[in-house]
Amino acid sequence: MSTLIEPESFDFVASFSSIEHSGLGRYDDPIDPIGDIREMQKISCILKPGGIFFLGIPVGQDDVGINCHRTYGRIRLPLMFAGC
């Protein structure tokens, strides 16, 4: 996964109310149905082994609010952490 940051660079990463918008095109980012999962993979790459990741996302019934945001439930939420 290509990023501008060296792998395993951070002891702590925080993302609050951000990842749920990734890949939906609302903020001129390219449409990507798994954009949120790709962002999680990038974070996993830059986090040092044993590092801490603070994640704030909407949790409830799985949903995509038009092109606004995703809500994570029993289907999508496990996909966010697959391979981490």
C-alpha atoms as a PDB file:
ATOM      1  CA  MET A   1       0.000   0.000   0.000  1.00  0.00           C
ATOM      2  CA  SER A   2       1.607   3.238  -1.143  1.00  0.00           C
ATOM      3  CA  THR A   3       1.608   6.268   1.167  1.00  0.00           C
ATOM      4  CA  LEU A   4       3.850   9.297   1.524  1.00  0.00           C
ATOM      5  CA  ILE A   5       4.660   8.183   5.065  1.00  0.00           C
ATOM      6  CA  GLU A   6       7.248   5.560   5.948  1.00  0.00           C
ATOM      7  CA  PRO A   7       5.786   2.246   7.186  1.00  0.00           C
ATOM      8  CA  GLU A   8       5.629   1.760  10.951  1.00  0.00           C
ATOM      9  CA  SER A   9       6.225   5.465  11.663  1.00  0.00           C
ATOM     10  CA  PHE A  10       3.630   6.151  14.366  1.00  0.00           C
ATOM     11  CA  ASP A  11       3.020   4.926  17.911  1.00  0.00           C
ATOM     12  CA  PHE A  12      -0.492   6.430  17.867  1.00  0.00           C
ATOM     13  CA  VAL A  13      -2.953   7.235  15.082  1.00  0.00           C
ATOM     14  CA  ALA A  14      -6.364   8.889  15.558  1.00  0.00           C
ATOM     15  CA  SER A  15      -9.191   9.166  13.062  1.00  0.00           C
ATOM     16  CA  PHE A  16     -12.462  10.729  14.130  1.00  0.00           C
ATOM     17  CA  SER A  17     -15.399  11.205  11.735  1.00  0.00           C
ATOM     18  CA  SER A  18     -13.210  10.836   8.664  1.00  0.00           C
ATOM     19  CA  ILE A  19     -12.870   7.293   7.306  1.00  0.00           C
ATOM     20  CA  GLU A  20     -16.631   6.853   6.833  1.00  0.00           C
ATOM     21  CA  HIS A  21     -16.455   9.460   4.047  1.00  0.00           C
ATOM     22  CA  SER A  22     -13.565   7.851   2.133  1.00  0.00           C
ATOM     23  CA  GLY A  23     -14.372   6.738  -1.389  1.00  0.00           C
ATOM     24  CA  LEU A  24     -17.842   8.290  -1.566  1.00  0.00           C
ATOM     25  CA  GLY A  25     -16.846  11.285  -3.706  1.00  0.00           C
ATOM     26  CA  ARG A  26     -18.448  13.917  -1.497  1.00  0.00           C
ATOM     27  CA  TYR A  27     -15.167  15.758  -0.950  1.00  0.00           C
ATOM     28  CA  ASP A  28     -13.849  15.354  -4.510  1.00  0.00           C
ATOM     29  CA  ASP A  29     -12.147  12.062  -3.705  1.00  0.00           C
ATOM     30  CA  PRO A  30     -12.482   9.327  -6.349  1.00  0.00           C
ATOM     31  CA  ILE A  31     -15.476   6.995  -6.039  1.00  0.00           C
ATOM     32  CA  ASP A  32     -14.235   3.761  -4.477  1.00  0.00           C
ATOM     33  CA  PRO A  33     -16.701   1.334  -2.849  1.00  0.00           C
ATOM     34  CA  ILE A  34     -13.949   0.079  -0.531  1.00  0.00           C
ATOM     35  CA  GLY A  35     -12.230   3.427   0.033  1.00  0.00           C
ATOM     36  CA  ASP A  36     -12.783   3.177   3.778  1.00  0.00           C
ATOM     37  CA  ILE A  37     -11.202  -0.276   3.900  1.00  0.00           C
ATOM     38  CA  ARG A  38      -8.233   0.964   1.861  1.00  0.00           C
ATOM     39  CA  GLU A  39      -7.720   3.814   4.353  1.00  0.00           C
ATOM     40  CA  MET A  40      -7.731   1.323   7.225  1.00  0.00           C
ATOM     41  CA  GLN A  41      -5.054  -0.688   5.416  1.00  0.00           C
ATOM     42  CA  LYS A  42      -2.925   2.457   5.063  1.00  0.00           C
ATOM     43  CA  ILE A  43      -3.290   3.212   8.759  1.00  0.00           C
ATOM     44  CA  SER A  44      -2.358  -0.360   9.617  1.00  0.00           C
ATOM     45  CA  CYS A  45       0.782   0.069   7.509  1.00  0.00           C
ATOM     46  CA  ILE A  46       1.981   3.303   9.140  1.00  0.00           C
ATOM     47  CA  LEU A  47       1.226   2.213  12.709  1.00  0.00           C
ATOM     48  CA  LYS A  48       4.139   0.680  14.603  1.00  0.00           C
ATOM     49  CA  PRO A  49       3.675  -2.874  15.921  1.00  0.00           C
ATOM     50  CA  GLY A  50       1.879  -2.566  19.244  1.00  0.00           C
ATOM     51  CA  GLY A  51       0.775   0.975  18.353  1.00  0.00           C
ATOM     52  CA  ILE A  52      -2.600   2.387  19.351  1.00  0.00           C
ATOM     53  CA  PHE A  53      -5.312   3.342  16.863  1.00  0.00           C
ATOM     54  CA  PHE A  54      -8.218   5.513  18.011  1.00  0.00           C
ATOM     55  CA  LEU A  55     -11.172   5.275  15.607  1.00  0.00           C
ATOM     56  CA  GLY A  56     -14.391   7.273  15.779  1.00  0.00           C
ATOM     57  CA  ILE A  57     -17.033   6.151  13.255  1.00  0.00           C
ATOM     58  CA  PRO A  58     -20.840   5.953  13.218  1.00  0.00           C
ATOM     59  CA  VAL A  59     -22.005   2.535  14.400  1.00  0.00           C
ATOM     60  CA  GLY A  60     -25.498   1.134  13.929  1.00  0.00           C
ATOM     61  CA  GLN A  61     -27.263  -0.609  11.076  1.00  0.00           C
ATOM     62  CA  ASP A  62     -25.052  -0.912   7.982  1.00  0.00           C
ATOM     63  CA  ASP A  63     -25.870   1.974   5.646  1.00  0.00           C
ATOM     64  CA  VAL A  64     -24.467   4.414   3.112  1.00  0.00           C
ATOM     65  CA  GLY A  65     -26.127   7.823   3.331  1.00  0.00           C
ATOM     66  CA  ILE A  66     -26.186   8.739  -0.370  1.00  0.00           C
ATOM     67  CA  ASN A  67     -22.634  10.017  -0.855  1.00  0.00           C
ATOM     68  CA  CYS A  68     -22.353  11.507   2.639  1.00  0.00           C
ATOM     69  CA  HIS A  69     -21.080   8.790   4.951  1.00  0.00           C
ATOM     70  CA  ARG A  70     -21.257   5.151   5.949  1.00  0.00           C
ATOM     71  CA  THR A  71     -22.700   3.708   9.131  1.00  0.00           C
ATOM     72  CA  TYR A  72     -20.965   0.539  10.279  1.00  0.00           C
ATOM     73  CA  GLY A  73     -22.850  -2.479  11.530  1.00  0.00           C
ATOM     74  CA  ARG A  74     -22.428  -6.229  11.818  1.00  0.00           C
ATOM     75  CA  ILE A  75     -21.592  -6.631   8.101  1.00  0.00           C
ATOM     76  CA  ARG A  76     -19.223  -3.767   7.280  1.00  0.00           C
ATOM     77  CA  LEU A  77     -17.526  -3.242  10.650  1.00  0.00           C
ATOM     78  CA  PRO A  78     -15.607  -6.575  10.633  1.00  0.00           C
ATOM     79  CA  LEU A  79     -14.369  -5.773   7.099  1.00  0.00           C
ATOM     80  CA  MET A  80     -12.728  -2.638   8.467  1.00  0.00           C
ATOM     81  CA  PHE A  81     -10.441  -4.730  10.660  1.00  0.00           C
ATOM     82  CA  ALA A  82      -9.807  -7.689   8.356  1.00  0.00           C
ATOM     83  CA  GLY A  83      -6.096  -8.003   7.768  1.00  0.00           C
ATOM     84  CA  CYS A  84      -5.104  -5.590  10.546  1.00  0.00           C
END
